[in-house]
Amino acid sequence: MKVEFAPRSVPMQRRLQTAAVVQWVFSFLGLAQCCAAAFIALLFTRLWLLSALYAVWWVLDRDTPRRGGRRVQLLRACRVWRHMRDYFPVTLVKTAELDPRQNYLLGFHPHGVLAAGAFLNFCTEASGFSTLFPGITPHLMMLSLWFRVPFFRDYLMSGGLVSSDKESASYVLQRPEGGNLLAIIVGGAQEALDARPGSCTLLLKNRKGFVRLAIQHGTPLVPAFSFGENDLFDQVRNPKGSWLRWVQHRLQQVMGISLPLFHARGIFQYSFGVIPYRRPICTVVGKPIPVQKKHNPSEQEVHQVHEKYLNELSKLFEEHKAKYNVPKDSHLEFI
């Protein structure tokens, strides 16, 4: 006998979508602290052996975040991410094919406050990455600091996150079998301090390390722009030269992470909170830029490829901005 279930009502769908986003936001804002606290607290209980055994595992497994991570496909395909996708919603757009026999280095722009588009598109299957790019395995780089937190590091790696250092990038890009895509949020934590609705400013003018890395491995560069990424949160005004920006910059130098003072809506009301606004995100992946391999490229060679990348990224933005309600007079600004 075939059992049919009635479709969920719109209010129920909305609640599930909001719950998924709440889970994601608080997992990144508080899960790391909770994991660290749980690890320490267990040491003072009768379950101290769990933390002790994990500590041994942690030491033995310490290099995994720099060696491609340890993804868990079951978690990547979890239903909760589809609810989160539908909350905004988030879509992934392909403009060119990627050859599964090659490795690729993808530059993701902009960072936004919490990089929601990057997470959903490359760390889950919610937007159908594997269907759009068959034979390609995505890896997203994240600050190495987060992989030092017990338990939390395993949660990060399950989605395909790897540590953001040169050794980690080289491990992915030099795999001879190909079929790997390394996504780097080039603007990083510093760019998050300028993430606010309508902003088209990218911290990219002097960021050339990813270009040098691509040349050293002969890896094609792929530009990607995530329309709507900066529209999810409002941010307390922090112009350069202000005391708030100075404090944020100093904290970033000490901690390695930025601390934007952001706000949006609440769980049960829409006036104030840390839950992102329900605004669409569309991540457009551009066509690969061929790069000639050279072990030790000169500054001029890096500069030339970097300029080509900026031009292709600008072209991608201009070609698609009208589809996503970006004003005609808005253009990318590189700082």
Foldseek 3Di string as FASTA:
>chain_A
DDDDDDDDDPVVLLLLLLVLLVVVVCCVVPVLVVLQVVLVVCCPDPNVVVSVVLVVVCVVCVCQLLQQFDAAQCVQADPSLLSPCVQLPEEEAEDDADDLQAEAEEAEDACAQPNPNCCSQQQHCNRPNCVRHPNAHEAEEDAPVSCVRGPSVNVQRNSRYHYPDLSSVCNQRQDNRGRYYYYYNQQAQLSNQVQAPLDQEGAQPPRLPSLLSCQQSQHWYKYKYKPPRSHFWHFDDDDPPDPVSVVQVVCCVVVVHGDTHIWAQDSVGGDTDRRTDSHYIYMYIGDTDGHHHDNDDDPVNSVVVSVVVVVRNQVVCQVCVVVRPRDNPDGHHYD
